[in-house]
Amino acid sequence: METTGSVPEKVAWVLVRDGRVLVTRDEDRDLFYVPGGMREPGESDSETLVREIEEELQAVIVAGTLVHFGTFETRSDHGGRSSSG
């Protein structure tokens, strides 16, 4: 798990179309989330997103089309879902 100090870093894909934001959830959970995940060693933000989106959504995104949307911090206690999934 990559961290800055004690804060885990995750990269998320925020897709907005027609005023709506793409979210997903696991079959066995009620919690919706923005797709993305943790960087693997040596990965850039865009490499992380391409890999995570393919793993989570079985979709392909083009790294060159990604635009940095923002950097955010949140609490670590988000409904019992751990950083590792």
C-alpha atoms as a PDB file:
ATOM      1  CA  MET A   1       0.000   0.000   0.000  1.00  0.00           C
ATOM      2  CA  GLU A   2       1.486   3.319  -1.034  1.00  0.00           C
ATOM      3  CA  THR A   3       1.136   6.099   1.506  1.00  0.00           C
ATOM      4  CA  THR A   4       2.037   9.714   2.041  1.00  0.00           C
ATOM      5  CA  GLY A   5       2.808   9.849   5.734  1.00  0.00           C
ATOM      6  CA  SER A   6      -0.030   7.756   7.142  1.00  0.00           C
ATOM      7  CA  VAL A   7      -2.573   8.536   4.408  1.00  0.00           C
ATOM      8  CA  PRO A   8      -3.161   5.746   1.832  1.00  0.00           C
ATOM      9  CA  GLU A   9      -3.166   7.024  -1.737  1.00  0.00           C
ATOM     10  CA  LYS A  10      -5.765   5.848  -4.217  1.00  0.00           C
ATOM     11  CA  VAL A  11      -6.475   6.902  -7.769  1.00  0.00           C
ATOM     12  CA  ALA A  12     -10.084   7.084  -8.976  1.00  0.00           C
ATOM     13  CA  TRP A  13     -11.772   7.527 -12.349  1.00  0.00           C
ATOM     14  CA  VAL A  14     -14.440  10.224 -12.251  1.00  0.00           C
ATOM     15  CA  LEU A  15     -16.539   9.880 -15.395  1.00  0.00           C
ATOM     16  CA  VAL A  16     -19.202  12.575 -15.796  1.00  0.00           C
ATOM     17  CA  ARG A  17     -21.705  12.360 -18.672  1.00  0.00           C
ATOM     18  CA  ASP A  18     -24.965  14.259 -19.032  1.00  0.00           C
ATOM     19  CA  GLY A  19     -24.619  15.551 -15.467  1.00  0.00           C
ATOM     20  CA  ARG A  20     -24.285  12.044 -14.018  1.00  0.00           C
ATOM     21  CA  VAL A  21     -21.267  10.412 -12.357  1.00  0.00           C
ATOM     22  CA  LEU A  22     -20.322   6.775 -12.950  1.00  0.00           C
ATOM     23  CA  VAL A  23     -20.233   4.690  -9.760  1.00  0.00           C
ATOM     24  CA  THR A  24     -20.079   0.944  -9.201  1.00  0.00           C
ATOM     25  CA  ARG A  25     -20.527  -1.563  -6.391  1.00  0.00           C
ATOM     26  CA  ASP A  26     -19.639  -5.135  -5.636  1.00  0.00           C
ATOM     27  CA  GLU A  27     -22.470  -7.681  -5.940  1.00  0.00           C
ATOM     28  CA  ASP A  28     -22.450  -8.507  -2.248  1.00  0.00           C
ATOM     29  CA  ARG A  29     -22.319  -4.912  -0.939  1.00  0.00           C
ATOM     30  CA  ASP A  30     -24.704  -1.979  -0.678  1.00  0.00           C
ATOM     31  CA  LEU A  31     -21.963   0.678  -0.836  1.00  0.00           C
ATOM     32  CA  PHE A  32     -21.364   2.416  -4.174  1.00  0.00           C
ATOM     33  CA  TYR A  33     -17.905   3.798  -4.997  1.00  0.00           C
ATOM     34  CA  VAL A  34     -15.996   5.598  -7.732  1.00  0.00           C
ATOM     35  CA  PRO A  35     -13.892   2.987  -9.589  1.00  0.00           C
ATOM     36  CA  GLY A  36     -10.125   3.004  -9.119  1.00  0.00           C
ATOM     37  CA  GLY A  37      -7.607   1.730  -6.624  1.00  0.00           C
ATOM     38  CA  MET A  38      -4.105   1.597  -5.229  1.00  0.00           C
ATOM     39  CA  ARG A  39      -0.956   2.136  -7.269  1.00  0.00           C
ATOM     40  CA  GLU A  40       1.371  -0.797  -7.739  1.00  0.00           C
ATOM     41  CA  PRO A  41       5.092  -0.048  -7.316  1.00  0.00           C
ATOM     42  CA  GLY A  42       6.374   2.165 -10.137  1.00  0.00           C
ATOM     43  CA  GLU A  43       2.925   2.911 -11.639  1.00  0.00           C
ATOM     44  CA  SER A  44       1.830   6.392 -12.655  1.00  0.00           C
ATOM     45  CA  ASP A  45      -1.695   7.645 -11.936  1.00  0.00           C
ATOM     46  CA  SER A  46      -2.796   6.928 -15.508  1.00  0.00           C
ATOM     47  CA  GLU A  47      -1.238   3.440 -15.552  1.00  0.00           C
ATOM     48  CA  THR A  48      -3.039   2.680 -12.282  1.00  0.00           C
ATOM     49  CA  LEU A  49      -6.392   3.803 -13.700  1.00  0.00           C
ATOM     50  CA  VAL A  50      -6.017   1.862 -16.942  1.00  0.00           C
ATOM     51  CA  ARG A  51      -5.249  -1.322 -14.967  1.00  0.00           C
ATOM     52  CA  GLU A  52      -7.881  -0.805 -12.261  1.00  0.00           C
ATOM     53  CA  ILE A  53     -10.686   0.052 -14.698  1.00  0.00           C
ATOM     54  CA  GLU A  54      -9.899  -3.014 -16.778  1.00  0.00           C
ATOM     55  CA  GLU A  55      -9.911  -5.181 -13.611  1.00  0.00           C
ATOM     56  CA  GLU A  56     -13.056  -3.683 -12.040  1.00  0.00           C
ATOM     57  CA  LEU A  57     -15.223  -2.841 -15.043  1.00  0.00           C
ATOM     58  CA  GLN A  58     -13.743  -4.938 -17.856  1.00  0.00           C
ATOM     59  CA  ALA A  59     -13.478  -1.668 -19.804  1.00  0.00           C
ATOM     60  CA  VAL A  60     -10.552  -0.046 -21.584  1.00  0.00           C
ATOM     61  CA  ILE A  61      -9.716   3.620 -21.094  1.00  0.00           C
ATOM     62  CA  VAL A  62      -7.080   5.517 -23.077  1.00  0.00           C
ATOM     63  CA  ALA A  63      -4.463   6.996 -20.756  1.00  0.00           C
ATOM     64  CA  GLY A  64      -3.924  10.013 -23.040  1.00  0.00           C
ATOM     65  CA  THR A  65      -7.539  11.132 -22.575  1.00  0.00           C
ATOM     66  CA  LEU A  66      -7.332  11.390 -18.772  1.00  0.00           C
ATOM     67  CA  VAL A  67      -7.393  14.811 -17.091  1.00  0.00           C
ATOM     68  CA  HIS A  68      -6.531  15.453 -13.442  1.00  0.00           C
ATOM     69  CA  PHE A  69      -9.799  16.376 -11.720  1.00  0.00           C
ATOM     70  CA  GLY A  70      -8.577  17.057  -8.197  1.00  0.00           C
ATOM     71  CA  THR A  71      -6.896  15.753  -5.077  1.00  0.00           C
ATOM     72  CA  PHE A  72      -9.112  14.901  -2.114  1.00  0.00           C
ATOM     73  CA  GLU A  73      -8.817  13.482   1.392  1.00  0.00           C
ATOM     74  CA  THR A  74     -11.443  11.438   3.198  1.00  0.00           C
ATOM     75  CA  ARG A  75     -11.818   9.427   6.380  1.00  0.00           C
ATOM     76  CA  SER A  76     -10.479   5.902   6.395  1.00  0.00           C
ATOM     77  CA  ASP A  77     -13.633   4.427   7.993  1.00  0.00           C
ATOM     78  CA  HIS A  78     -15.856   4.206   4.914  1.00  0.00           C
ATOM     79  CA  GLY A  79     -18.471   1.575   5.627  1.00  0.00           C
ATOM     80  CA  GLY A  80     -16.173  -1.268   6.595  1.00  0.00           C
ATOM     81  CA  ARG A  81     -14.545  -1.532   3.184  1.00  0.00           C
ATOM     82  CA  SER A  82     -10.830  -1.917   3.643  1.00  0.00           C
ATOM     83  CA  SER A  83      -8.177  -0.323   1.450  1.00  0.00           C
ATOM     84  CA  SER A  84      -7.372  -3.739   0.025  1.00  0.00           C
ATOM     85  CA  GLY A  85     -10.893  -4.336  -1.194  1.00  0.00           C
END
